[in-house]
Protein backbone atom coordinates (compact mmCIF):
# COMPACT_ATOMS: atom_id res chain seq x y z
CA MET A 1 -0.50 -0.21 0.02
CA THR A 2 1.35 3.72 -1.03
CA LYS A 3 2.24 5.53 2.23
CA PHE A 4 1.60 9.03 2.17
CA PRO A 5 3.40 11.87 3.69
CA LEU A 6 2.49 13.37 7.64
CA THR A 7 4.31 15.77 9.75
CA LYS A 8 5.12 14.47 13.36
CA ARG A 9 3.00 17.21 14.25
CA GLY A 10 -0.42 16.15 12.03
CA ALA A 11 0.47 12.52 13.28
CA ASP A 12 0.18 14.07 17.03
CA LEU A 13 -3.26 15.63 16.16
CA LEU A 14 -4.68 12.77 14.69
CA ARG A 15 -3.07 10.24 17.67
CA ASP A 16 -5.55 12.59 20.21
CA GLU A 17 -8.27 13.25 18.05
CA LEU A 18 -8.44 8.87 17.53
CA GLN A 19 -7.81 9.08 21.99
CA GLN A 20 -10.91 11.87 21.94
CA LEU A 21 -13.25 9.51 20.05
CA LYS A 22 -12.46 6.31 21.86
CA SER A 23 -12.00 7.17 25.21
CA VAL A 24 -14.48 10.07 25.43
CA ASP A 25 -17.59 10.69 22.56
CA ARG A 26 -17.93 6.75 21.85
CA PRO A 27 -18.79 5.83 25.95
CA ARG A 28 -20.85 9.25 25.85
CA ILE A 29 -22.65 8.34 22.73
CA ILE A 30 -23.12 4.45 24.06
CA ALA A 31 -24.87 6.27 27.12
CA ALA A 32 -27.26 7.96 25.31
CA ILE A 33 -28.21 5.23 22.85
CA SER A 34 -28.86 3.25 26.11
CA GLU A 35 -30.89 6.27 27.67
CA ALA A 36 -32.90 6.59 24.41
CA ARG A 37 -33.37 2.38 24.41
CA ALA A 38 -34.93 2.82 27.50
CA HIS A 39 -37.51 5.35 26.84
CA GLY A 40 -39.36 2.76 24.59
CA ASP A 41 -40.59 2.92 20.89
CA LEU A 42 -37.54 3.09 18.55
CA LYS A 43 -39.70 3.67 15.25
CA GLU A 44 -40.42 7.40 16.50
CA ASN A 45 -37.44 7.90 19.14
CA ALA A 46 -35.70 10.52 17.76
CA GLU A 47 -32.87 10.62 20.44
CA TYR A 48 -32.07 7.17 19.76
CA HIS A 49 -31.66 8.10 16.13
CA ALA A 50 -29.15 11.17 16.49
CA ALA A 51 -27.96 9.36 19.15
CA ARG A 52 -27.00 6.18 16.31
CA GLU A 53 -26.13 8.93 13.53
CA GLN A 54 -23.74 9.87 15.82
CA GLN A 55 -22.08 6.87 16.72
CA SER A 56 -21.85 5.44 12.88
CA PHE A 57 -20.02 9.18 11.89
CA ALA A 58 -17.81 8.24 15.07
CA GLU A 59 -16.96 4.76 14.34
CA GLY A 60 -16.20 6.15 10.44
CA ARG A 61 -13.51 8.86 12.17
CA ILE A 62 -12.61 6.17 14.20
CA LYS A 63 -11.52 4.03 11.16
CA LYS A 64 -10.48 7.19 8.85
CA ILE A 65 -8.00 8.05 11.21
CA GLU A 66 -6.57 4.37 11.56
CA GLY A 67 -6.25 4.32 8.42
CA LYS A 68 -4.61 7.19 7.94
CA LEU A 69 -2.07 6.45 10.52
CA SER A 70 -1.22 3.14 9.66
CA ASN A 71 -0.63 4.76 6.16
CA ALA A 72 1.04 7.47 7.17
CA GLN A 73 5.15 7.90 5.98
CA ILE A 74 5.75 10.18 9.53
CA ILE A 75 8.64 12.62 9.08
CA ASP A 76 9.70 14.66 11.79
CA VAL A 77 11.78 17.84 9.67
CA THR A 78 13.95 18.23 12.93
CA GLU A 79 15.68 15.22 12.24
CA LEU A 80 16.59 15.75 8.47
CA ASP A 81 19.42 16.82 7.49
CA ALA A 82 18.46 18.92 4.09
CA GLY A 83 21.56 20.95 3.75
CA GLY A 84 19.42 24.07 3.36
CA LYS A 85 17.23 22.07 0.59
CA VAL A 86 13.36 22.86 0.96
CA VAL A 87 11.76 19.81 1.93
CA PHE A 88 8.75 17.87 3.74
CA GLY A 89 7.68 19.83 6.34
CA ALA A 90 10.31 22.65 5.71
CA THR A 91 9.02 26.17 6.49
CA VAL A 92 9.89 28.75 3.65
CA ASP A 93 9.87 32.58 3.99
CA LEU A 94 8.70 34.33 0.17
CA ILE A 95 8.93 37.29 -1.17
CA ASP A 96 6.27 37.58 -4.05
CA LEU A 97 8.75 39.88 -6.62
CA ASN A 98 5.80 41.45 -7.73
CA THR A 99 4.33 42.71 -4.95
CA GLU A 100 7.39 42.52 -2.18
CA LYS A 101 4.71 41.11 0.31
CA GLU A 102 6.32 38.62 2.43
CA THR A 103 4.46 35.29 3.36
CA VAL A 104 5.38 32.36 5.40
CA TYR A 105 4.50 28.70 4.55
CA LYS A 106 4.89 25.58 5.81
CA ILE A 107 4.82 22.61 4.04
CA VAL A 108 2.48 19.49 5.15
CA GLY A 109 0.83 16.69 3.89
CA ASP A 110 -2.88 16.71 2.63
CA ASP A 111 -4.59 16.72 5.73
CA GLU A 112 -2.57 18.59 7.20
CA ALA A 113 -2.95 21.73 5.20
CA ASP A 114 -4.78 24.86 6.18
CA ILE A 115 -3.65 27.76 4.01
CA LYS A 116 -5.09 30.18 6.82
CA GLN A 117 -2.28 28.77 8.85
CA GLY A 118 0.24 29.22 6.25
CA MET A 119 0.31 25.09 6.02
CA ILE A 120 0.69 24.27 2.39
CA SER A 121 0.06 20.63 0.82
CA VAL A 122 2.77 18.95 -0.61
CA SER A 123 1.34 18.55 -3.82
CA SER A 124 0.18 21.72 -4.37
CA PRO A 125 1.75 23.89 -7.16
CA VAL A 126 3.49 26.41 -4.58
CA ALA A 127 5.11 23.50 -2.58
CA ARG A 128 5.84 21.00 -6.26
CA ALA A 129 7.82 24.77 -7.12
CA LEU A 130 9.65 25.22 -3.99
CA ILE A 131 11.08 21.26 -3.13
CA GLY A 132 14.47 20.94 -3.70
CA ARG A 133 15.08 24.67 -4.30
CA THR A 134 17.43 27.04 -1.69
CA GLU A 135 17.55 29.97 -0.21
CA GLY A 136 18.20 32.71 -2.12
CA ASP A 137 16.63 31.14 -5.25
CA GLU A 138 13.88 32.43 -7.60
CA VAL A 139 11.27 30.24 -8.39
CA ASP A 140 8.25 30.95 -11.05
CA VAL A 141 5.09 29.41 -9.54
CA ASN A 142 2.50 28.60 -12.59
CA THR A 143 -0.68 29.65 -10.50
CA PRO A 144 -4.69 29.84 -11.80
CA SER A 145 -4.34 34.02 -12.11
CA GLY A 146 -1.22 33.22 -13.75
CA VAL A 147 2.56 33.38 -12.92
CA VAL A 148 3.76 34.38 -9.50
CA SER A 149 7.79 34.72 -8.95
CA TYR A 150 9.00 34.33 -5.61
CA GLU A 151 12.20 34.28 -4.03
CA ILE A 152 13.11 32.19 -1.24
CA ALA A 153 14.06 34.34 1.83
CA GLY A 154 14.67 31.73 4.21
CA VAL A 155 14.63 28.00 4.72
CA ARG A 156 14.11 27.17 8.11
CA TYR A 157 13.31 23.81 9.82
CA ILE A 158 11.19 23.67 12.59
CA PRO A 159 8.65 21.57 14.02
């Protein structure tokens, strides 16, 4: 089976969510189902149906997280010897050469990407253009709005 990259932070967040689902949410939902069953007729019992729906969602999420963790290649960027190159997990300081605007991106796995937090997917056009480059390099990125030119102002390996 194909392994997909995941940062150590991303793996820790998934493990925390899995722990929450298994140790807190699952018992709470089971208790809600038991309580709803005690009310009698299940056909017209909205509490029962809502609890069963929550159970279905929680169990599906548990399976999804377990699958992601079992197929993940967890990469701790602080342990890599990347020699100043942009690699998966690196934090990259960029300067837009057209607007002089500075931007900071961390290259993460697809499931961890959140542009509002400056975390871009390793499969995004920007990340693909940056991988393998070093500080001082100029990079042209093809975006839907046209070509954007960046200068790599810094490459950091922070967790």
